[in-house]
Amino acid sequence: MLRLNTVLRCIPASSFLLSAASVATEPMKIDKAALKQLRSRTGFSYVNCRKALLQFGSDRLDEAEKWMREMAVKEGWDKATKLKSRQTKQGLVSAISDGNRAALVEVYCETDFVARGDPFKSLVEKVAHAAIKSAETFDPLPEEKISLIYKDFDSLNLVDGTPAKDALRGTINEVGENIVVPPVTLVLSQPDVSLWSYAHPPGVIGNVYMGTFASVVGLEKERDDSVPIDKLGRQLCQQIIGMRAEKVGLPPEPNGDKSDSEDNETKAKLSEDEEEEVTHIDEKETSLLRQSFMLDPSQTVFDYITGHGVKVVDFYRVEVGEKANSKAA
C-alpha cells in the first residue's frame, strides 16, 4: 500500500484534470455532406457553416440556415446586403426551350471577369431551368399562338426545390460582386408551334444557351421536309441575332408584281455588268422575312423557310442590357 501511494503521489494532479477536460471538450463530428449542402445553400464560409452545424446538427439544416442568415445580417457576413447598391452592367442572357415552352433569362453582375466565370454561369443555368420549369404550371396554355409571361425572379424555385434567390445569394457571397436578376420572360405556344432557342457568342451548358445575345423563335410546320426543324430553328435564331431583326414583317413582293419597266431596267442593269455580285446583304432591313438569308444570301429568309415548308409565327430577341420584347409583325 505504501508503494502504491508513493506511485500516485509521483503523478501530477493536472494529468487527471487534463484527461477529464479532453473528454469533456472532444469536438463534435461534422457530417461532411451536410456541411457541403449548407455551404451550397447559403454561400457562407465553411467556418460559419460549421458553427451552425455544431449548434443545430446535420438533421436540422433549415434551422441552421435560418440562424446563419440572421447572424449574417447582425454580424455583416452577407455580401449581398453590402453590395446591393453597386451597378451591374455586365452579365449574360440565356435561352432555353422545350417543345412549346421556352424562357429568356438575364443575369447581371459588375464585371466581365465574373460573367465569364464558372460560378456565374452555373447560376445562369440554374435560373434558366427554374424559369422553364415554372412554365409547366400554365395549363391550359393561353389561346394565342405564342404568349409572353413575365415572372418575378423571387418567385422561382430551382429544380431541387431550393428558392432561386438562395442560389443568387450564395453566388454573390462566393464571387464578391452584386448580381441582379430581372423578371424572367416565359414564352408559351400552342402545341402546333414549336419553340427553338440560341445564344451568341455560343456558350452552352446542357440545353441552356448563354451569351451576349439570345433569341427564341416559334415555328409552325406546314409540310414535312427533309431538313430537321430543330436545325431550321437554330439557323433562324442565328439570323435574328446576327441581322438584328426587329419584326417578322411581310413577305417580299414577288418578282412578277413588278412593272414591265422595272423588270426591263433590272435586266439592263444585270446585262451591263454580268459579274455583278447578286448576293448583297442589306444590313438595314429589319423585317425578318425580307432579309437576305445569312447562310445563302441569294435568297430571302421567306424564300428559305417557304422552300422547307415552315412558317415563322413570332420571335423574341434580347441582349445584355436590353429587356426582351415581342417582335410580332
Protein backbone atom coordinates (compact mmCIF):
# COMPACT_ATOMS: atom_id res chain seq x y z
CA MET A 1 0.00 0.00 0.00
CA LEU A 2 2.82 2.34 0.82
CA ARG A 3 4.35 1.71 -2.57
CA LEU A 4 1.03 2.47 -4.38
CA ASN A 5 0.56 5.76 -2.58
CA THR A 6 4.11 6.67 -3.46
CA VAL A 7 3.44 6.00 -7.15
CA LEU A 8 0.24 8.05 -7.12
CA ARG A 9 1.99 10.94 -5.45
CA CYS A 10 4.50 10.93 -8.33
CA ILE A 11 1.77 11.57 -10.94
CA PRO A 12 0.85 15.26 -11.17
CA ALA A 13 -2.77 16.07 -10.35
CA SER A 14 -3.01 18.17 -13.52
CA SER A 15 -2.78 14.98 -15.59
CA PHE A 16 -6.12 13.82 -14.25
CA LEU A 17 -7.68 17.22 -14.89
CA LEU A 18 -6.34 17.35 -18.47
CA SER A 19 -7.68 13.92 -19.24
CA ALA A 20 -11.13 14.83 -17.95
CA ALA A 21 -11.10 18.10 -19.88
CA SER A 22 -10.14 16.27 -23.07
CA VAL A 23 -13.15 14.00 -22.74
CA ALA A 24 -15.48 16.90 -21.97
CA THR A 25 -14.35 19.06 -24.90
CA GLU A 26 -13.92 16.37 -27.56
CA PRO A 27 -15.15 18.11 -30.77
CA MET A 28 -18.45 17.04 -32.26
CA LYS A 29 -18.07 15.25 -35.58
CA ILE A 30 -19.40 17.24 -38.55
CA ASP A 31 -21.29 15.50 -41.34
CA LYS A 32 -19.32 16.47 -44.46
CA ALA A 33 -22.35 16.06 -46.73
CA ALA A 34 -24.41 18.39 -44.52
CA LEU A 35 -21.55 20.89 -44.40
CA LYS A 36 -21.31 20.91 -48.18
CA GLN A 37 -25.07 21.23 -48.56
CA LEU A 38 -25.29 24.13 -46.13
CA ARG A 39 -22.40 25.85 -47.88
CA SER A 40 -24.17 25.40 -51.23
CA ARG A 41 -27.47 26.73 -49.88
CA THR A 42 -26.05 29.81 -48.21
CA GLY A 43 -22.72 30.63 -49.82
CA PHE A 44 -21.29 31.44 -46.39
CA SER A 45 -17.83 30.32 -45.34
CA TYR A 46 -17.17 26.77 -44.17
CA VAL A 47 -16.20 28.18 -40.78
CA ASN A 48 -19.65 29.73 -40.28
CA CYS A 49 -21.41 26.67 -41.72
CA ARG A 50 -19.50 24.54 -39.23
CA LYS A 51 -20.61 26.78 -36.37
CA ALA A 52 -24.23 26.36 -37.44
CA LEU A 53 -23.96 22.58 -37.66
CA LEU A 54 -22.32 22.38 -34.24
CA GLN A 55 -25.28 24.23 -32.82
CA PHE A 56 -28.14 22.56 -34.71
CA GLY A 57 -26.79 19.27 -36.03
CA SER A 58 -26.93 17.87 -39.54
CA ASP A 59 -30.62 16.91 -39.34
CA ARG A 60 -31.82 20.50 -38.75
CA LEU A 61 -30.42 22.27 -41.79
CA ASP A 62 -33.40 24.62 -42.21
CA GLU A 63 -32.93 25.94 -38.68
CA ALA A 64 -29.19 26.17 -39.18
CA GLU A 65 -29.69 28.15 -42.38
CA LYS A 66 -32.19 30.50 -40.73
CA TRP A 67 -29.78 31.13 -37.86
CA MET A 68 -26.93 31.80 -40.30
CA ARG A 69 -28.93 34.36 -42.24
CA GLU A 70 -29.89 36.16 -39.03
CA MET A 71 -26.27 36.19 -37.90
CA ALA A 72 -25.15 37.31 -41.36
CA VAL A 73 -27.26 40.44 -41.08
CA LYS A 74 -26.27 41.02 -37.46
CA GLU A 75 -22.53 40.48 -37.93
CA GLY A 76 -22.15 41.55 -41.56
CA TRP A 77 -21.35 38.19 -43.17
CA ASP A 78 -23.83 38.65 -46.01
CA LYS A 79 -22.15 40.27 -49.01
CA ALA A 80 -25.49 40.52 -50.84
CA THR A 81 -26.66 43.12 -48.35
CA LYS A 82 -23.41 45.07 -48.57
CA LEU A 83 -23.17 45.05 -52.36
CA LYS A 84 -26.77 45.57 -53.46
CA SER A 85 -26.26 49.27 -54.29
CA ARG A 86 -23.47 48.59 -56.80
CA GLN A 87 -24.18 48.94 -60.52
CA THR A 88 -24.45 45.79 -62.64
CA LYS A 89 -23.71 46.45 -66.32
CA GLN A 90 -22.10 43.14 -67.30
CA GLY A 91 -23.60 39.68 -67.41
CA LEU A 92 -25.18 37.06 -69.64
CA VAL A 93 -28.53 36.43 -71.27
CA SER A 94 -29.71 32.87 -71.76
CA ALA A 95 -32.36 30.96 -73.65
CA ILE A 96 -33.82 27.52 -73.12
CA SER A 97 -36.63 25.78 -75.00
CA ASP A 98 -38.52 22.54 -74.70
CA GLY A 99 -41.37 21.83 -77.11
CA ASN A 100 -43.92 24.61 -76.73
CA ARG A 101 -42.30 26.24 -73.70
CA ALA A 102 -39.22 28.46 -73.58
CA ALA A 103 -37.60 31.06 -71.35
CA LEU A 104 -35.32 34.06 -71.77
CA VAL A 105 -33.27 34.95 -68.71
CA GLU A 106 -31.00 37.90 -67.96
CA VAL A 107 -28.44 37.83 -65.15
CA TYR A 108 -26.25 40.87 -64.46
CA CYS A 109 -23.05 41.37 -62.47
CA GLU A 110 -20.44 44.09 -62.04
CA THR A 111 -17.54 42.86 -64.19
CA ASP A 112 -16.93 40.82 -67.31
CA PHE A 113 -14.42 38.77 -65.33
CA VAL A 114 -17.17 37.39 -63.08
CA ALA A 115 -19.57 36.97 -66.03
CA ARG A 116 -17.05 34.62 -67.67
CA GLY A 117 -16.52 32.56 -64.52
CA ASP A 118 -18.00 29.15 -63.79
CA PRO A 119 -19.90 30.14 -60.61
CA PHE A 120 -21.79 32.86 -62.50
CA LYS A 121 -22.52 30.62 -65.50
CA SER A 122 -23.74 27.89 -63.14
CA LEU A 123 -26.18 30.38 -61.61
CA VAL A 124 -27.44 31.38 -65.09
CA GLU A 125 -28.04 27.72 -65.93
CA LYS A 126 -29.93 27.10 -62.68
CA VAL A 127 -32.14 30.15 -63.15
CA ALA A 128 -32.91 29.17 -66.77
CA HIS A 129 -34.01 25.69 -65.68
CA ALA A 130 -36.05 27.20 -62.84
CA ALA A 131 -37.75 29.55 -65.30
CA ILE A 132 -38.78 26.91 -67.82
CA LYS A 133 -39.87 24.60 -65.00
CA SER A 134 -42.21 27.33 -63.77
CA ALA A 135 -43.78 27.46 -67.24
CA GLU A 136 -45.15 23.96 -66.64
CA THR A 137 -47.67 25.45 -64.21
CA PHE A 138 -49.55 27.20 -67.03
CA ASP A 139 -52.23 24.74 -68.05
CA PRO A 140 -54.24 25.24 -70.12
CA LEU A 141 -52.00 27.36 -72.31
CA PRO A 142 -53.09 30.84 -73.43
CA GLU A 143 -55.25 30.89 -76.57
CA GLU A 144 -52.79 32.91 -78.66
CA LYS A 145 -50.34 31.09 -80.93
CA ILE A 146 -47.50 32.46 -78.80
CA SER A 147 -47.74 34.31 -75.48
CA LEU A 148 -45.25 36.09 -73.25
CA ILE A 149 -45.44 35.95 -69.46
CA TYR A 150 -43.08 37.83 -67.16
CA LYS A 151 -42.35 36.16 -63.84
CA ASP A 152 -40.63 37.71 -60.83
CA PHE A 153 -37.32 36.06 -60.03
CA ASP A 154 -38.03 35.81 -56.29
CA SER A 155 -40.99 33.51 -57.02
CA LEU A 156 -38.83 30.89 -58.75
CA ASN A 157 -37.62 27.63 -57.24
CA LEU A 158 -34.73 25.61 -58.57
CA VAL A 159 -35.28 22.11 -59.92
CA ASP A 160 -34.41 20.65 -56.49
CA GLY A 161 -36.99 22.90 -54.80
CA THR A 162 -34.49 25.36 -53.32
CA PRO A 163 -35.57 29.01 -53.66
CA ALA A 164 -33.71 30.57 -56.60
CA LYS A 165 -32.99 33.65 -54.50
CA ASP A 166 -30.91 31.47 -52.15
CA ALA A 167 -28.75 30.35 -55.08
CA LEU A 168 -28.36 34.01 -56.06
CA ARG A 169 -27.30 35.00 -52.55
CA GLY A 170 -24.86 32.10 -52.41
CA THR A 171 -23.24 33.12 -55.69
CA ILE A 172 -22.93 36.73 -54.55
CA ASN A 173 -21.15 35.59 -51.41
CA GLU A 174 -18.88 33.36 -53.49
CA VAL A 175 -17.83 35.84 -56.20
CA GLY A 176 -17.96 39.02 -54.09
CA GLU A 177 -19.99 41.07 -56.60
CA ASN A 178 -23.53 42.34 -56.76
CA ILE A 179 -25.72 40.19 -59.03
CA VAL A 180 -29.20 41.14 -60.24
CA VAL A 181 -31.82 39.01 -61.99
CA PRO A 182 -34.74 40.93 -63.58
CA PRO A 183 -38.11 39.22 -64.10
CA VAL A 184 -37.68 36.26 -66.45
CA THR A 185 -39.56 36.00 -69.75
CA LEU A 186 -41.59 32.85 -70.33
CA VAL A 187 -42.61 32.02 -73.90
CA LEU A 188 -45.61 29.70 -74.30
CA SER A 189 -47.06 28.41 -77.57
CA GLN A 190 -49.87 26.23 -78.80
CA PRO A 191 -49.00 22.56 -79.47
CA ASP A 192 -48.70 23.11 -83.23
CA VAL A 193 -45.99 25.77 -82.73
CA SER A 194 -42.52 24.58 -81.69
CA LEU A 195 -40.09 26.90 -79.91
CA TRP A 196 -36.34 26.97 -80.56
CA SER A 197 -33.54 28.93 -78.90
CA TYR A 198 -29.94 30.02 -79.36
CA ALA A 199 -27.38 32.48 -77.96
CA HIS A 200 -24.28 34.26 -79.25
CA PRO A 201 -21.37 34.10 -78.70
CA PRO A 202 -22.37 30.45 -78.41
CA GLY A 203 -21.96 29.21 -74.87
CA VAL A 204 -23.98 26.24 -73.68
CA ILE A 205 -24.36 24.22 -70.50
CA GLY A 206 -26.61 21.23 -71.04
CA ASN A 207 -29.56 22.60 -73.01
CA VAL A 208 -29.13 26.21 -71.83
CA TYR A 209 -27.66 28.63 -74.36
CA MET A 210 -25.98 31.74 -72.94
CA GLY A 211 -24.08 34.70 -74.33
CA THR A 212 -24.37 38.43 -75.07
CA PHE A 213 -27.40 37.87 -77.32
CA ALA A 214 -30.18 35.29 -77.16
CA SER A 215 -33.30 34.56 -79.15
CA VAL A 216 -36.35 32.31 -79.25
CA VAL A 217 -38.32 31.63 -82.43
CA GLY A 218 -41.68 29.95 -82.86
CA LEU A 219 -42.14 27.80 -85.99
CA GLU A 220 -45.22 26.21 -87.49
CA LYS A 221 -44.66 23.29 -89.83
CA GLU A 222 -46.81 23.48 -92.95
CA ARG A 223 -45.48 20.27 -94.51
CA ASP A 224 -42.85 17.60 -93.85
CA ASP A 225 -39.36 18.34 -95.11
CA SER A 226 -36.02 16.58 -95.14
CA VAL A 227 -34.35 19.36 -93.13
CA PRO A 228 -34.92 18.81 -89.38
CA ILE A 229 -36.97 21.61 -87.86
CA ASP A 230 -34.54 21.94 -84.96
CA LYS A 231 -31.82 22.83 -87.46
CA LEU A 232 -34.08 25.41 -89.09
CA GLY A 233 -34.91 26.82 -85.67
CA ARG A 234 -31.25 27.25 -84.76
CA GLN A 235 -30.46 28.85 -88.13
CA LEU A 236 -33.30 31.33 -87.77
CA CYS A 237 -32.25 32.22 -84.22
CA GLN A 238 -28.76 32.93 -85.58
CA GLN A 239 -30.32 35.10 -88.30
CA ILE A 240 -32.41 37.03 -85.77
CA ILE A 241 -29.36 37.71 -83.61
CA GLY A 242 -26.84 38.40 -86.37
CA MET A 243 -29.05 40.56 -88.60
CA ARG A 244 -30.82 42.31 -85.71
CA ALA A 245 -34.31 41.54 -86.97
CA GLU A 246 -36.98 43.64 -85.25
CA LYS A 247 -40.19 42.11 -86.58
CA VAL A 248 -41.42 39.18 -88.63
CA GLY A 249 -42.72 41.55 -91.29
CA LEU A 250 -44.48 40.82 -94.56
CA PRO A 251 -43.08 38.60 -97.31
CA PRO A 252 -41.11 40.37 -100.05
CA GLU A 253 -43.05 41.28 -103.18
CA PRO A 254 -42.89 38.58 -105.85
CA ASN A 255 -40.85 39.49 -108.92
CA GLY A 256 -43.96 39.13 -111.01
CA ASP A 257 -45.57 42.07 -109.23
CA LYS A 258 -43.02 44.48 -110.66
CA SER A 259 -43.99 46.62 -113.60
CA ASP A 260 -42.58 45.80 -117.06
CA SER A 261 -40.44 48.93 -116.99
CA GLU A 262 -38.94 47.98 -113.62
CA ASP A 263 -38.26 44.47 -114.88
CA ASN A 264 -36.58 45.76 -118.04
CA GLU A 265 -34.45 48.15 -116.02
CA THR A 266 -33.32 45.28 -113.80
CA LYS A 267 -32.39 43.13 -116.78
CA ALA A 268 -30.49 46.01 -118.40
CA LYS A 269 -28.60 46.65 -115.19
CA LEU A 270 -27.53 42.99 -114.95
CA SER A 271 -26.52 42.83 -118.60
CA GLU A 272 -24.29 45.86 -118.16
CA ASP A 273 -22.29 44.06 -115.54
CA GLU A 274 -22.76 40.29 -115.75
CA GLU A 275 -20.22 39.77 -112.99
CA GLU A 276 -22.12 41.92 -110.54
CA GLU A 277 -22.45 40.21 -107.18
CA VAL A 278 -26.12 39.49 -106.56
CA THR A 279 -25.67 38.11 -103.07
CA HIS A 280 -25.69 41.52 -101.35
CA ILE A 281 -26.99 41.59 -97.77
CA ASP A 282 -28.95 44.69 -96.82
CA GLU A 283 -27.97 45.23 -93.21
CA LYS A 284 -30.61 47.95 -92.79
CA GLU A 285 -33.52 45.58 -93.39
CA THR A 286 -35.23 44.83 -90.07
CA SER A 287 -38.13 42.66 -91.25
CA LEU A 288 -37.04 39.06 -90.84
CA LEU A 289 -38.87 37.67 -93.89
CA ARG A 290 -37.39 40.31 -96.20
CA GLN A 291 -33.80 39.88 -95.03
CA SER A 292 -31.24 38.03 -97.12
CA PHE A 293 -30.67 34.64 -95.57
CA MET A 294 -27.20 34.74 -93.97
CA LEU A 295 -26.22 31.21 -94.99
CA ASP A 296 -27.35 31.78 -98.60
CA PRO A 297 -27.71 35.50 -99.41
CA SER A 298 -29.04 34.71 -102.91
CA GLN A 299 -32.44 34.09 -101.30
CA THR A 300 -34.53 35.80 -98.65
CA VAL A 301 -35.47 34.25 -95.33
CA PHE A 302 -39.02 33.97 -96.65
CA ASP A 303 -37.82 32.00 -99.69
CA TYR A 304 -35.74 29.73 -97.50
CA ILE A 305 -38.42 28.81 -94.96
CA THR A 306 -41.15 28.54 -97.61
CA GLY A 307 -38.96 26.11 -99.50
CA HIS A 308 -38.79 23.96 -96.38
CA GLY A 309 -42.49 24.18 -95.54
CA VAL A 310 -42.10 26.25 -92.36
CA LYS A 311 -43.78 29.45 -91.15
CA VAL A 312 -42.35 31.88 -88.59
CA VAL A 313 -45.09 32.68 -86.09
CA ASP A 314 -43.11 35.09 -83.93
CA PHE A 315 -39.70 35.59 -82.35
CA TYR A 316 -38.04 37.30 -79.41
CA ARG A 317 -34.53 38.70 -79.15
CA VAL A 318 -32.66 40.00 -76.11
CA GLU A 319 -29.16 41.25 -75.47
CA VAL A 320 -27.25 42.17 -72.35
CA GLY A 321 -28.74 45.43 -71.09
CA GLU A 322 -31.94 45.21 -73.12
CA LYS A 323 -35.14 43.52 -71.96
CA ALA A 324 -36.81 41.02 -74.32
CA ASN A 325 -39.74 42.35 -76.31
CA SER A 326 -42.23 40.84 -78.72
CA LYS A 327 -41.28 41.19 -82.38
CA ALA A 328 -44.61 40.35 -83.95
CA ALA A 329 -45.45 41.81 -87.34
